[in-house]
Amino acid sequence: MAIAESTAVLTSPEMTRRPRWPALRALARKKLALVALAYLLLFYAVGLAAPLVAPYDPNDQNIRAGETRQGPSSEHWLGTDSLGRDLLSRVIYSARTTVLFTIVVVVTGGFFLGLGLGLLAGYRGGWVDTAIMRVGEILGGLPTLILILAITAAFRTRITDLAYWFEDHTWVSFSEAKTFLKFTIIAGATVPFAWVGSARIVRSQALAIRELAYVTAAEAMGASTWRVIGRHILPGVMPLFIVGLSGSMAGMAGAEGSLSYLGLGIDPPAASFGSLISEAGFIRTFQQYPHLLLGAATPVVLFFYAWNLLGGALGDVLEPRLNLR
């Protein structure tokens, strides 16, 4: 009788109920991670809603005396640039460029190529694994930024002709077509190098998971390759994949900013953090008009820092084995 009662107590719903969403509960206890997450959500929301949020047209110039390079005021919260354009509006549209770029590169290079090829290489093994990983090693050993610069420079001469073609055959204006083509070329040049790190992480996890008993049992029951990958291996690799992806987000945004800073990215008048920093980064300009550099650099620096903070917190929560402290 006593044994039955004790068994009932040990197996009661109160004792066996597990907390829901334990990872979110653990993440909620990390205050800095929550601040970083809140900033990233705000950054992406503002970037996606830039036409609704920006107080002025980012390309609206006002070069009358006293209107250029104004300091922060109630009318222009971050001041104006050398052409009298509202700096806050240009920062908001620069955030849109960064948001769209990171989304495109993450979806294509991170999820589609990185996750897909990593799962395929880790589960199938053999010549498939060898081929995917050898290509990844070749791309990983190349100077990424230099090659991206070379690719964008090679297509730069054809952008104007293509933009005129779009203007003649579609409803898109010349400036919009040119910006779209530049964006497409930069993203297309970055994607081939963005999947390598994610694929390596996913492959290493898939190699370990495919040897577990439940995966072997599913294969013995006749489950197809894609069913085994989707139902049994994918859930096991996702935590480490998310950690790695969050850690690489700052690098993806930095690639676009670096190209724009060097003059091979998004061309003015389209807004980009790289071009804003380049225009305001001269020593004399910074000494006389520090708001131009501080207003442009602060949001993107916080963006990089927030992703690094969030990536570290996700590593502690989703993959505690990675915490070496």
C-alpha atoms as a PDB file:
ATOM      1  CA  MET A   1       0.000   0.000   0.000  1.00  0.00           C
ATOM      2  CA  ALA A   2       2.800   2.389   0.935  1.00  0.00           C
ATOM      3  CA  ILE A   3       4.705   1.472  -2.231  1.00  0.00           C
ATOM      4  CA  ALA A   4       1.652   2.169  -4.406  1.00  0.00           C
ATOM      5  CA  GLU A   5       1.092   5.529  -2.733  1.00  0.00           C
ATOM      6  CA  SER A   6       4.718   6.548  -3.173  1.00  0.00           C
ATOM      7  CA  THR A   7       4.619   5.474  -6.817  1.00  0.00           C
ATOM      8  CA  ALA A   8       1.481   7.517  -7.360  1.00  0.00           C
ATOM      9  CA  VAL A   9       3.160  10.534  -5.814  1.00  0.00           C
ATOM     10  CA  LEU A  10       6.272  10.157  -7.982  1.00  0.00           C
ATOM     11  CA  THR A  11       4.226   9.757 -11.158  1.00  0.00           C
ATOM     12  CA  SER A  12       1.701  12.484 -10.437  1.00  0.00           C
ATOM     13  CA  PRO A  13       1.235  15.175 -13.105  1.00  0.00           C
ATOM     14  CA  GLU A  14       2.743  17.791 -10.818  1.00  0.00           C
ATOM     15  CA  MET A  15       5.985  15.829 -10.551  1.00  0.00           C
ATOM     16  CA  THR A  16       6.247  14.811 -14.225  1.00  0.00           C
ATOM     17  CA  ARG A  17       5.189  18.083 -15.812  1.00  0.00           C
ATOM     18  CA  ARG A  18       8.105  19.760 -17.519  1.00  0.00           C
ATOM     19  CA  PRO A  19       8.385  23.522 -17.972  1.00  0.00           C
ATOM     20  CA  ARG A  20       7.395  24.733 -21.394  1.00  0.00           C
ATOM     21  CA  TRP A  21       9.927  26.568 -23.523  1.00  0.00           C
ATOM     22  CA  PRO A  22      12.907  26.051 -21.185  1.00  0.00           C
ATOM     23  CA  ALA A  23      15.259  27.810 -23.612  1.00  0.00           C
ATOM     24  CA  LEU A  24      13.140  30.965 -23.591  1.00  0.00           C
ATOM     25  CA  ARG A  25      12.963  30.877 -19.803  1.00  0.00           C
ATOM     26  CA  ALA A  26      16.733  30.597 -19.598  1.00  0.00           C
ATOM     27  CA  LEU A  27      17.191  33.394 -22.141  1.00  0.00           C
ATOM     28  CA  ALA A  28      14.790  35.626 -20.197  1.00  0.00           C
ATOM     29  CA  ARG A  29      17.164  35.469 -17.231  1.00  0.00           C
ATOM     30  CA  LYS A  30      19.965  37.066 -19.276  1.00  0.00           C
ATOM     31  CA  LYS A  31      19.281  40.791 -19.072  1.00  0.00           C
ATOM     32  CA  LEU A  32      21.919  41.909 -21.564  1.00  0.00           C
ATOM     33  CA  ALA A  33      20.636  39.379 -24.098  1.00  0.00           C
ATOM     34  CA  LEU A  34      17.116  40.741 -23.708  1.00  0.00           C
ATOM     35  CA  VAL A  35      18.362  44.282 -24.271  1.00  0.00           C
ATOM     36  CA  ALA A  36      20.248  43.125 -27.370  1.00  0.00           C
ATOM     37  CA  LEU A  37      17.190  41.249 -28.649  1.00  0.00           C
ATOM     38  CA  ALA A  38      14.953  44.287 -28.074  1.00  0.00           C
ATOM     39  CA  TYR A  39      17.367  46.518 -29.997  1.00  0.00           C
ATOM     40  CA  LEU A  40      17.574  44.061 -32.904  1.00  0.00           C
ATOM     41  CA  LEU A  41      13.790  43.781 -33.094  1.00  0.00           C
ATOM     42  CA  LEU A  42      13.538  47.578 -33.110  1.00  0.00           C
ATOM     43  CA  PHE A  43      16.282  47.841 -35.750  1.00  0.00           C
ATOM     44  CA  TYR A  44      14.584  45.341 -38.058  1.00  0.00           C
ATOM     45  CA  ALA A  45      11.129  46.828 -37.502  1.00  0.00           C
ATOM     46  CA  VAL A  46      12.347  50.346 -38.297  1.00  0.00           C
ATOM     47  CA  GLY A  47      14.258  49.101 -41.334  1.00  0.00           C
ATOM     48  CA  LEU A  48      11.298  47.222 -42.780  1.00  0.00           C
ATOM     49  CA  ALA A  49       8.951  50.149 -42.136  1.00  0.00           C
ATOM     50  CA  ALA A  50      11.412  52.842 -43.281  1.00  0.00           C
ATOM     51  CA  PRO A  51       9.006  54.639 -45.678  1.00  0.00           C
ATOM     52  CA  LEU A  52       6.479  54.948 -42.845  1.00  0.00           C
ATOM     53  CA  VAL A  53       8.931  55.854 -40.086  1.00  0.00           C
ATOM     54  CA  ALA A  54      11.335  58.267 -41.777  1.00  0.00           C
ATOM     55  CA  PRO A  55      10.291  61.899 -41.125  1.00  0.00           C
ATOM     56  CA  TYR A  56      11.626  63.154 -44.492  1.00  0.00           C
ATOM     57  CA  ASP A  57      12.511  61.880 -47.921  1.00  0.00           C
ATOM     58  CA  PRO A  58      16.132  60.683 -47.485  1.00  0.00           C
ATOM     59  CA  ASN A  59      17.110  62.138 -50.865  1.00  0.00           C
ATOM     60  CA  ASP A  60      15.432  65.535 -50.411  1.00  0.00           C
ATOM     61  CA  GLN A  61      18.237  68.108 -50.688  1.00  0.00           C
ATOM     62  CA  ASN A  62      18.295  71.603 -49.270  1.00  0.00           C
ATOM     63  CA  ILE A  63      21.583  73.330 -50.069  1.00  0.00           C
ATOM     64  CA  ARG A  64      20.561  76.827 -49.023  1.00  0.00           C
ATOM     65  CA  ALA A  65      22.868  78.669 -46.649  1.00  0.00           C
ATOM     66  CA  GLY A  66      22.484  77.439 -43.092  1.00  0.00           C
ATOM     67  CA  GLU A  67      20.629  74.263 -44.060  1.00  0.00           C
ATOM     68  CA  THR A  68      23.634  72.030 -44.682  1.00  0.00           C
ATOM     69  CA  ARG A  69      25.499  70.208 -41.912  1.00  0.00           C
ATOM     70  CA  GLN A  70      23.165  71.467 -39.216  1.00  0.00           C
ATOM     71  CA  GLY A  71      23.577  70.035 -35.759  1.00  0.00           C
ATOM     72  CA  PRO A  72      20.820  68.052 -34.067  1.00  0.00           C
ATOM     73  CA  SER A  73      17.654  70.062 -33.517  1.00  0.00           C
ATOM     74  CA  SER A  74      13.949  69.579 -32.922  1.00  0.00           C
ATOM     75  CA  GLU A  75      13.379  69.681 -36.682  1.00  0.00           C
ATOM     76  CA  HIS A  76      16.241  67.358 -37.594  1.00  0.00           C
ATOM     77  CA  TRP A  77      16.982  65.068 -34.662  1.00  0.00           C
ATOM     78  CA  LEU A  78      20.366  63.955 -36.003  1.00  0.00           C
ATOM     79  CA  GLY A  79      21.072  67.072 -38.031  1.00  0.00           C
ATOM     80  CA  THR A  80      21.616  67.330 -41.779  1.00  0.00           C
ATOM     81  CA  ASP A  81      24.422  66.251 -44.087  1.00  0.00           C
ATOM     82  CA  SER A  82      26.512  68.199 -46.609  1.00  0.00           C
ATOM     83  CA  LEU A  83      23.566  68.380 -49.041  1.00  0.00           C
ATOM     84  CA  GLY A  84      21.009  69.401 -46.455  1.00  0.00           C
ATOM     85  CA  ARG A  85      19.383  65.957 -46.299  1.00  0.00           C
ATOM     86  CA  ASP A  86      17.855  64.819 -43.033  1.00  0.00           C
ATOM     87  CA  LEU A  87      20.400  62.483 -41.425  1.00  0.00           C
ATOM     88  CA  LEU A  88      17.857  60.563 -39.350  1.00  0.00           C
ATOM     89  CA  SER A  89      15.901  59.656 -42.490  1.00  0.00           C
ATOM     90  CA  ARG A  90      19.082  58.490 -44.201  1.00  0.00           C
ATOM     91  CA  VAL A  91      20.039  56.405 -41.165  1.00  0.00           C
ATOM     92  CA  ILE A  92      16.598  54.775 -41.190  1.00  0.00           C
ATOM     93  CA  TYR A  93      16.888  53.945 -44.888  1.00  0.00           C
ATOM     94  CA  SER A  94      20.416  52.662 -44.270  1.00  0.00           C
ATOM     95  CA  ALA A  95      18.916  50.321 -41.687  1.00  0.00           C
ATOM     96  CA  ARG A  96      16.505  49.103 -44.371  1.00  0.00           C
ATOM     97  CA  THR A  97      19.465  48.312 -46.641  1.00  0.00           C
ATOM     98  CA  THR A  98      21.158  46.344 -43.869  1.00  0.00           C
ATOM     99  CA  VAL A  99      17.948  44.523 -42.916  1.00  0.00           C
ATOM    100  CA  LEU A 100      17.107  43.491 -46.476  1.00  0.00           C
ATOM    101  CA  PHE A 101      20.691  42.421 -47.150  1.00  0.00           C
ATOM    102  CA  THR A 102      20.972  40.238 -44.062  1.00  0.00           C
ATOM    103  CA  ILE A 103      17.555  38.647 -44.687  1.00  0.00           C
ATOM    104  CA  VAL A 104      18.424  37.781 -48.293  1.00  0.00           C
ATOM    105  CA  VAL A 105      21.857  36.383 -47.423  1.00  0.00           C
ATOM    106  CA  VAL A 106      20.567  34.419 -44.407  1.00  0.00           C
ATOM    107  CA  VAL A 107      17.686  32.850 -46.329  1.00  0.00           C
ATOM    108  CA  THR A 108      19.761  31.910 -49.377  1.00  0.00           C
ATOM    109  CA  GLY A 109      23.248  31.372 -47.986  1.00  0.00           C
ATOM    110  CA  GLY A 110      22.406  30.352 -44.415  1.00  0.00           C
ATOM    111  CA  PHE A 111      19.224  28.298 -44.578  1.00  0.00           C
ATOM    112  CA  PHE A 112      18.997  27.144 -48.181  1.00  0.00           C
ATOM    113  CA  LEU A 113      22.678  26.385 -48.810  1.00  0.00           C
ATOM    114  CA  GLY A 114      24.283  26.168 -45.380  1.00  0.00           C
ATOM    115  CA  LEU A 115      21.623  24.125 -43.614  1.00  0.00           C
ATOM    116  CA  GLY A 116      20.618  22.093 -46.679  1.00  0.00           C
ATOM    117  CA  LEU A 117      24.104  21.156 -47.849  1.00  0.00           C
ATOM    118  CA  GLY A 118      25.297  20.524 -44.295  1.00  0.00           C
ATOM    119  CA  LEU A 119      22.444  18.101 -43.610  1.00  0.00           C
ATOM    120  CA  LEU A 120      22.989  16.320 -46.910  1.00  0.00           C
ATOM    121  CA  ALA A 121      26.747  16.015 -46.404  1.00  0.00           C
ATOM    122  CA  GLY A 122      26.481  14.842 -42.804  1.00  0.00           C
ATOM    123  CA  TYR A 123      23.751  12.266 -43.367  1.00  0.00           C
ATOM    124  CA  ARG A 124      24.664  10.796 -46.750  1.00  0.00           C
ATOM    125  CA  GLY A 125      28.430  10.859 -46.344  1.00  0.00           C
ATOM    126  CA  GLY A 126      30.581   9.269 -49.041  1.00  0.00           C
ATOM    127  CA  TRP A 127      31.262  11.148 -52.252  1.00  0.00           C
ATOM    128  CA  VAL A 128      28.427  13.598 -51.538  1.00  0.00           C
ATOM    129  CA  ASP A 129      30.082  14.667 -48.283  1.00  0.00           C
ATOM    130  CA  THR A 130      33.483  14.832 -49.948  1.00  0.00           C
ATOM    131  CA  ALA A 131      32.279  16.966 -52.851  1.00  0.00           C
ATOM    132  CA  ILE A 132      30.377  19.462 -50.677  1.00  0.00           C
ATOM    133  CA  MET A 133      33.141  19.828 -48.117  1.00  0.00           C
ATOM    134  CA  ARG A 134      35.913  20.169 -50.718  1.00  0.00           C
ATOM    135  CA  VAL A 135      34.022  23.002 -52.383  1.00  0.00           C
ATOM    136  CA  GLY A 136      33.507  24.558 -48.961  1.00  0.00           C
ATOM    137  CA  GLU A 137      37.205  24.275 -48.141  1.00  0.00           C
ATOM    138  CA  ILE A 138      38.154  25.961 -51.412  1.00  0.00           C
ATOM    139  CA  LEU A 139      35.739  28.836 -50.815  1.00  0.00           C
ATOM    140  CA  GLY A 140      36.729  29.082 -47.138  1.00  0.00           C
ATOM    141  CA  GLY A 141      40.397  29.372 -48.020  1.00  0.00           C
ATOM    142  CA  LEU A 142      39.913  32.269 -50.417  1.00  0.00           C
ATOM    143  CA  PRO A 143      40.206  35.942 -49.363  1.00  0.00           C
ATOM    144  CA  THR A 144      36.477  36.578 -49.144  1.00  0.00           C
ATOM    145  CA  LEU A 145      36.346  40.365 -49.096  1.00  0.00           C
ATOM    146  CA  ILE A 146      38.854  40.715 -51.937  1.00  0.00           C
ATOM    147  CA  LEU A 147      36.870  38.324 -54.129  1.00  0.00           C
ATOM    148  CA  ILE A 148      33.595  40.075 -53.347  1.00  0.00           C
ATOM    149  CA  LEU A 149      35.262  43.360 -54.290  1.00  0.00           C
ATOM    150  CA  ALA A 150      36.477  41.824 -57.556  1.00  0.00           C
ATOM    151  CA  ILE A 151      33.043  40.390 -58.403  1.00  0.00           C
ATOM    152  CA  THR A 152      31.206  43.638 -57.751  1.00  0.00           C
ATOM    153  CA  ALA A 153      33.829  45.645 -59.651  1.00  0.00           C
ATOM    154  CA  ALA A 154      33.601  43.299 -62.652  1.00  0.00           C
ATOM    155  CA  PHE A 155      29.846  43.833 -62.992  1.00  0.00           C
ATOM    156  CA  ARG A 156      29.949  47.532 -62.194  1.00  0.00           C
ATOM    157  CA  THR A 157      30.406  48.644 -65.803  1.00  0.00           C
ATOM    158  CA  ARG A 158      27.269  46.807 -66.948  1.00  0.00           C
ATOM    159  CA  ILE A 159      24.969  48.120 -64.238  1.00  0.00           C
ATOM    160  CA  THR A 160      24.234  51.406 -66.009  1.00  0.00           C
ATOM    161  CA  ASP A 161      23.278  49.667 -69.268  1.00  0.00           C
ATOM    162  CA  LEU A 162      21.021  47.219 -67.425  1.00  0.00           C
ATOM    163  CA  ALA A 163      19.437  50.044 -65.443  1.00  0.00           C
ATOM    164  CA  TYR A 164      18.573  51.883 -68.669  1.00  0.00           C
ATOM    165  CA  TRP A 165      17.087  48.643 -70.052  1.00  0.00           C
ATOM    166  CA  PHE A 166      14.896  48.271 -66.956  1.00  0.00           C
ATOM    167  CA  GLU A 167      13.788  51.887 -67.286  1.00  0.00           C
ATOM    168  CA  ASP A 168      12.805  51.383 -70.938  1.00  0.00           C
ATOM    169  CA  HIS A 169      11.036  48.033 -70.541  1.00  0.00           C
ATOM    170  CA  THR A 170       9.515  48.241 -67.057  1.00  0.00           C
ATOM    171  CA  TRP A 171       7.896  50.785 -64.771  1.00  0.00           C
ATOM    172  CA  VAL A 172      11.048  50.981 -62.619  1.00  0.00           C
ATOM    173  CA  SER A 173      12.984  54.260 -62.715  1.00  0.00           C
ATOM    174  CA  PHE A 174      16.669  54.401 -63.573  1.00  0.00           C
ATOM    175  CA  SER A 175      17.825  55.138 -60.014  1.00  0.00           C
ATOM    176  CA  GLU A 176      15.648  52.398 -58.527  1.00  0.00           C
ATOM    177  CA  ALA A 177      16.821  49.881 -61.117  1.00  0.00           C
ATOM    178  CA  LYS A 178      20.464  50.790 -60.489  1.00  0.00           C
ATOM    179  CA  THR A 179      20.067  50.392 -56.730  1.00  0.00           C
ATOM    180  CA  PHE A 180      18.287  47.054 -57.177  1.00  0.00           C
ATOM    181  CA  LEU A 181      20.997  45.753 -59.506  1.00  0.00           C
ATOM    182  CA  LYS A 182      23.767  46.852 -57.149  1.00  0.00           C
ATOM    183  CA  PHE A 183      21.987  45.186 -54.245  1.00  0.00           C
ATOM    184  CA  THR A 184      21.509  41.970 -56.233  1.00  0.00           C
ATOM    185  CA  ILE A 185      25.162  41.828 -57.276  1.00  0.00           C
ATOM    186  CA  ILE A 186      26.440  42.444 -53.739  1.00  0.00           C
ATOM    187  CA  ALA A 187      24.110  39.808 -52.276  1.00  0.00           C
ATOM    188  CA  GLY A 188      24.952  37.363 -55.078  1.00  0.00           C
ATOM    189  CA  ALA A 189      28.674  37.865 -54.458  1.00  0.00           C
ATOM    190  CA  THR A 190      28.283  37.303 -50.702  1.00  0.00           C
ATOM    191  CA  VAL A 191      26.016  34.225 -50.744  1.00  0.00           C
ATOM    192  CA  PRO A 192      28.627  31.772 -52.163  1.00  0.00           C
ATOM    193  CA  PHE A 193      30.848  32.485 -49.153  1.00  0.00           C
ATOM    194  CA  ALA A 194      28.100  32.730 -46.511  1.00  0.00           C
ATOM    195  CA  TRP A 195      27.131  29.046 -46.408  1.00  0.00           C
ATOM    196  CA  VAL A 196      30.499  27.464 -45.631  1.00  0.00           C
ATOM    197  CA  GLY A 197      30.577  28.024 -41.863  1.00  0.00           C
ATOM    198  CA  SER A 198      26.941  26.995 -41.369  1.00  0.00           C
ATOM    199  CA  ALA A 199      27.412  23.859 -43.482  1.00  0.00           C
ATOM    200  CA  ARG A 200      30.414  22.762 -41.411  1.00  0.00           C
ATOM    201  CA  ILE A 201      28.527  23.184 -38.139  1.00  0.00           C
ATOM    202  CA  VAL A 202      25.465  21.329 -39.408  1.00  0.00           C
ATOM    203  CA  ARG A 203      27.543  18.533 -40.943  1.00  0.00           C
ATOM    204  CA  SER A 204      29.433  17.849 -37.705  1.00  0.00           C
ATOM    205  CA  GLN A 205      26.177  17.548 -35.784  1.00  0.00           C
ATOM    206  CA  ALA A 206      24.518  15.419 -38.464  1.00  0.00           C
ATOM    207  CA  LEU A 207      27.457  12.986 -38.460  1.00  0.00           C
ATOM    208  CA  ALA A 208      26.967  12.397 -34.725  1.00  0.00           C
ATOM    209  CA  ILE A 209      23.169  12.216 -34.781  1.00  0.00           C
ATOM    210  CA  ARG A 210      22.915   9.745 -37.676  1.00  0.00           C
ATOM    211  CA  GLU A 211      24.652   7.087 -35.531  1.00  0.00           C
ATOM    212  CA  LEU A 212      22.065   7.285 -32.726  1.00  0.00           C
ATOM    213  CA  ALA A 213      19.667   4.434 -32.117  1.00  0.00           C
ATOM    214  CA  TYR A 214      16.444   6.223 -33.029  1.00  0.00           C
ATOM    215  CA  VAL A 215      17.843   7.244 -36.418  1.00  0.00           C
ATOM    216  CA  THR A 216      18.977   3.676 -37.100  1.00  0.00           C
ATOM    217  CA  ALA A 217      15.536   2.407 -36.082  1.00  0.00           C
ATOM    218  CA  ALA A 218      13.825   4.844 -38.462  1.00  0.00           C
ATOM    219  CA  GLU A 219      16.047   3.686 -41.311  1.00  0.00           C
ATOM    220  CA  ALA A 220      15.310   0.028 -40.475  1.00  0.00           C
ATOM    221  CA  MET A 221      11.580   0.768 -40.658  1.00  0.00           C
ATOM    222  CA  GLY A 222      12.005   2.028 -44.228  1.00  0.00           C
ATOM    223  CA  ALA A 223      11.876   5.797 -43.666  1.00  0.00           C
ATOM    224  CA  SER A 224      13.055   7.797 -46.654  1.00  0.00           C
ATOM    225  CA  THR A 225      16.194   9.934 -46.583  1.00  0.00           C
ATOM    226  CA  TRP A 226      14.303  13.218 -46.457  1.00  0.00           C
ATOM    227  CA  ARG A 227      11.979  11.956 -43.730  1.00  0.00           C
ATOM    228  CA  VAL A 228      14.910  10.902 -41.553  1.00  0.00           C
ATOM    229  CA  ILE A 229      16.621  14.247 -42.145  1.00  0.00           C
ATOM    230  CA  GLY A 230      13.498  16.323 -41.529  1.00  0.00           C
ATOM    231  CA  ARG A 231      12.031  14.425 -38.582  1.00  0.00           C
ATOM    232  CA  HIS A 232      15.087  13.160 -36.713  1.00  0.00           C
ATOM    233  CA  ILE A 233      18.300  14.969 -37.686  1.00  0.00           C
ATOM    234  CA  LEU A 234      17.074  18.521 -38.325  1.00  0.00           C
ATOM    235  CA  PRO A 235      15.721  19.093 -34.764  1.00  0.00           C
ATOM    236  CA  GLY A 236      19.050  17.979 -33.354  1.00  0.00           C
ATOM    237  CA  VAL A 237      21.189  20.306 -35.446  1.00  0.00           C
ATOM    238  CA  MET A 238      19.003  23.415 -35.202  1.00  0.00           C
ATOM    239  CA  PRO A 239      20.246  24.683 -31.780  1.00  0.00           C
ATOM    240  CA  LEU A 240      23.892  24.782 -32.839  1.00  0.00           C
ATOM    241  CA  PHE A 241      22.939  26.085 -36.286  1.00  0.00           C
ATOM    242  CA  ILE A 242      21.020  29.003 -34.746  1.00  0.00           C
ATOM    243  CA  VAL A 243      23.964  29.819 -32.497  1.00  0.00           C
ATOM    244  CA  GLY A 244      26.381  29.840 -35.426  1.00  0.00           C
ATOM    245  CA  LEU A 245      24.028  31.828 -37.627  1.00  0.00           C
ATOM    246  CA  SER A 246      23.465  34.509 -35.007  1.00  0.00           C
ATOM    247  CA  GLY A 247      27.212  34.846 -34.583  1.00  0.00           C
ATOM    248  CA  SER A 248      27.698  35.408 -38.326  1.00  0.00           C
ATOM    249  CA  MET A 249      24.961  38.020 -38.781  1.00  0.00           C
ATOM    250  CA  ALA A 250      27.277  40.898 -37.925  1.00  0.00           C
ATOM    251  CA  GLY A 251      29.789  39.683 -40.502  1.00  0.00           C
ATOM    252  CA  MET A 252      27.120  39.538 -43.210  1.00  0.00           C
ATOM    253  CA  ALA A 253      26.049  43.113 -42.519  1.00  0.00           C
ATOM    254  CA  GLY A 254      29.693  44.157 -42.336  1.00  0.00           C
ATOM    255  CA  ALA A 255      30.321  42.859 -45.866  1.00  0.00           C
ATOM    256  CA  GLU A 256      27.718  45.197 -47.342  1.00  0.00           C
ATOM    257  CA  GLY A 257      28.921  48.115 -45.222  1.00  0.00           C
ATOM    258  CA  SER A 258      32.542  47.551 -46.237  1.00  0.00           C
ATOM    259  CA  LEU A 259      31.693  47.513 -49.938  1.00  0.00           C
ATOM    260  CA  SER A 260      29.650  50.702 -49.648  1.00  0.00           C
ATOM    261  CA  TYR A 261      32.438  52.337 -47.633  1.00  0.00           C
ATOM    262  CA  LEU A 262      34.919  51.535 -50.404  1.00  0.00           C
ATOM    263  CA  GLY A 263      32.569  52.843 -53.091  1.00  0.00           C
ATOM    264  CA  LEU A 264      31.653  49.449 -54.585  1.00  0.00           C
ATOM    265  CA  GLY A 265      28.408  48.907 -52.729  1.00  0.00           C
ATOM    266  CA  ILE A 266      25.123  50.771 -52.755  1.00  0.00           C
ATOM    267  CA  ASP A 267      25.738  54.031 -54.592  1.00  0.00           C
ATOM    268  CA  PRO A 268      24.418  57.383 -53.366  1.00  0.00           C
ATOM    269  CA  PRO A 269      21.826  58.788 -53.267  1.00  0.00           C
ATOM    270  CA  ALA A 270      20.635  55.399 -51.956  1.00  0.00           C
ATOM    271  CA  ALA A 271      21.404  55.220 -48.236  1.00  0.00           C
ATOM    272  CA  SER A 272      23.865  52.763 -46.704  1.00  0.00           C
ATOM    273  CA  PHE A 273      25.791  52.883 -43.448  1.00  0.00           C
ATOM    274  CA  GLY A 274      29.060  52.376 -45.322  1.00  0.00           C
ATOM    275  CA  SER A 275      28.550  55.390 -47.580  1.00  0.00           C
ATOM    276  CA  LEU A 276      27.310  57.547 -44.678  1.00  0.00           C
ATOM    277  CA  ILE A 277      30.401  56.738 -42.633  1.00  0.00           C
ATOM    278  CA  SER A 278      32.646  57.273 -45.649  1.00  0.00           C
ATOM    279  CA  GLU A 279      31.194  60.740 -46.271  1.00  0.00           C
ATOM    280  CA  ALA A 280      31.573  61.772 -42.617  1.00  0.00           C
ATOM    281  CA  GLY A 281      34.785  59.954 -41.744  1.00  0.00           C
ATOM    282  CA  PHE A 282      37.358  62.599 -42.715  1.00  0.00           C
ATOM    283  CA  ILE A 283      39.301  64.031 -39.799  1.00  0.00           C
ATOM    284  CA  ARG A 284      38.404  67.654 -40.535  1.00  0.00           C
ATOM    285  CA  THR A 285      34.756  66.768 -41.095  1.00  0.00           C
ATOM    286  CA  PHE A 286      34.612  64.867 -37.806  1.00  0.00           C
ATOM    287  CA  GLN A 287      36.245  67.707 -35.896  1.00  0.00           C
ATOM    288  CA  GLN A 288      33.791  70.288 -37.197  1.00  0.00           C
ATOM    289  CA  TYR A 289      30.653  68.159 -37.597  1.00  0.00           C
ATOM    290  CA  PRO A 290      30.924  65.131 -35.280  1.00  0.00           C
ATOM    291  CA  HIS A 291      27.187  64.454 -35.498  1.00  0.00           C
ATOM    292  CA  LEU A 292      27.596  63.227 -39.087  1.00  0.00           C
ATOM    293  CA  LEU A 293      29.807  60.312 -38.076  1.00  0.00           C
ATOM    294  CA  LEU A 294      28.266  59.614 -34.670  1.00  0.00           C
ATOM    295  CA  GLY A 295      24.730  59.598 -36.026  1.00  0.00           C
ATOM    296  CA  ALA A 296      25.649  57.175 -38.822  1.00  0.00           C
ATOM    297  CA  ALA A 297      28.054  54.894 -36.953  1.00  0.00           C
ATOM    298  CA  THR A 298      26.305  54.456 -33.603  1.00  0.00           C
ATOM    299  CA  PRO A 299      23.270  52.444 -34.845  1.00  0.00           C
ATOM    300  CA  VAL A 300      25.327  50.016 -36.901  1.00  0.00           C
ATOM    301  CA  VAL A 301      27.959  49.546 -34.174  1.00  0.00           C
ATOM    302  CA  LEU A 302      25.173  48.728 -31.722  1.00  0.00           C
ATOM    303  CA  PHE A 303      23.757  46.345 -34.338  1.00  0.00           C
ATOM    304  CA  PHE A 304      27.045  44.416 -34.480  1.00  0.00           C
ATOM    305  CA  TYR A 305      27.399  44.412 -30.703  1.00  0.00           C
ATOM    306  CA  ALA A 306      23.808  43.259 -30.169  1.00  0.00           C
ATOM    307  CA  TRP A 307      24.223  40.277 -32.491  1.00  0.00           C
ATOM    308  CA  ASN A 308      27.443  39.257 -30.732  1.00  0.00           C
ATOM    309  CA  LEU A 309      25.750  39.507 -27.328  1.00  0.00           C
ATOM    310  CA  LEU A 310      22.714  37.563 -28.500  1.00  0.00           C
ATOM    311  CA  GLY A 311      24.877  34.917 -30.152  1.00  0.00           C
ATOM    312  CA  GLY A 312      26.800  34.338 -26.935  1.00  0.00           C
ATOM    313  CA  ALA A 313      23.591  34.130 -24.898  1.00  0.00           C
ATOM    314  CA  LEU A 314      22.032  31.673 -27.345  1.00  0.00           C
ATOM    315  CA  GLY A 315      25.181  29.574 -27.132  1.00  0.00           C
ATOM    316  CA  ASP A 316      24.843  29.388 -23.342  1.00  0.00           C
ATOM    317  CA  VAL A 317      21.136  28.524 -23.557  1.00  0.00           C
ATOM    318  CA  LEU A 318      20.886  26.208 -26.554  1.00  0.00           C
ATOM    319  CA  GLU A 319      24.329  24.597 -26.420  1.00  0.00           C
ATOM    320  CA  PRO A 320      25.736  24.765 -22.867  1.00  0.00           C
ATOM    321  CA  ARG A 321      28.690  22.607 -23.951  1.00  0.00           C
ATOM    322  CA  LEU A 322      29.995  25.602 -25.920  1.00  0.00           C
ATOM    323  CA  ASN A 323      30.301  27.676 -22.740  1.00  0.00           C
ATOM    324  CA  LEU A 324      33.972  27.368 -21.849  1.00  0.00           C
ATOM    325  CA  ARG A 325      33.979  30.039 -19.159  1.00  0.00           C
END
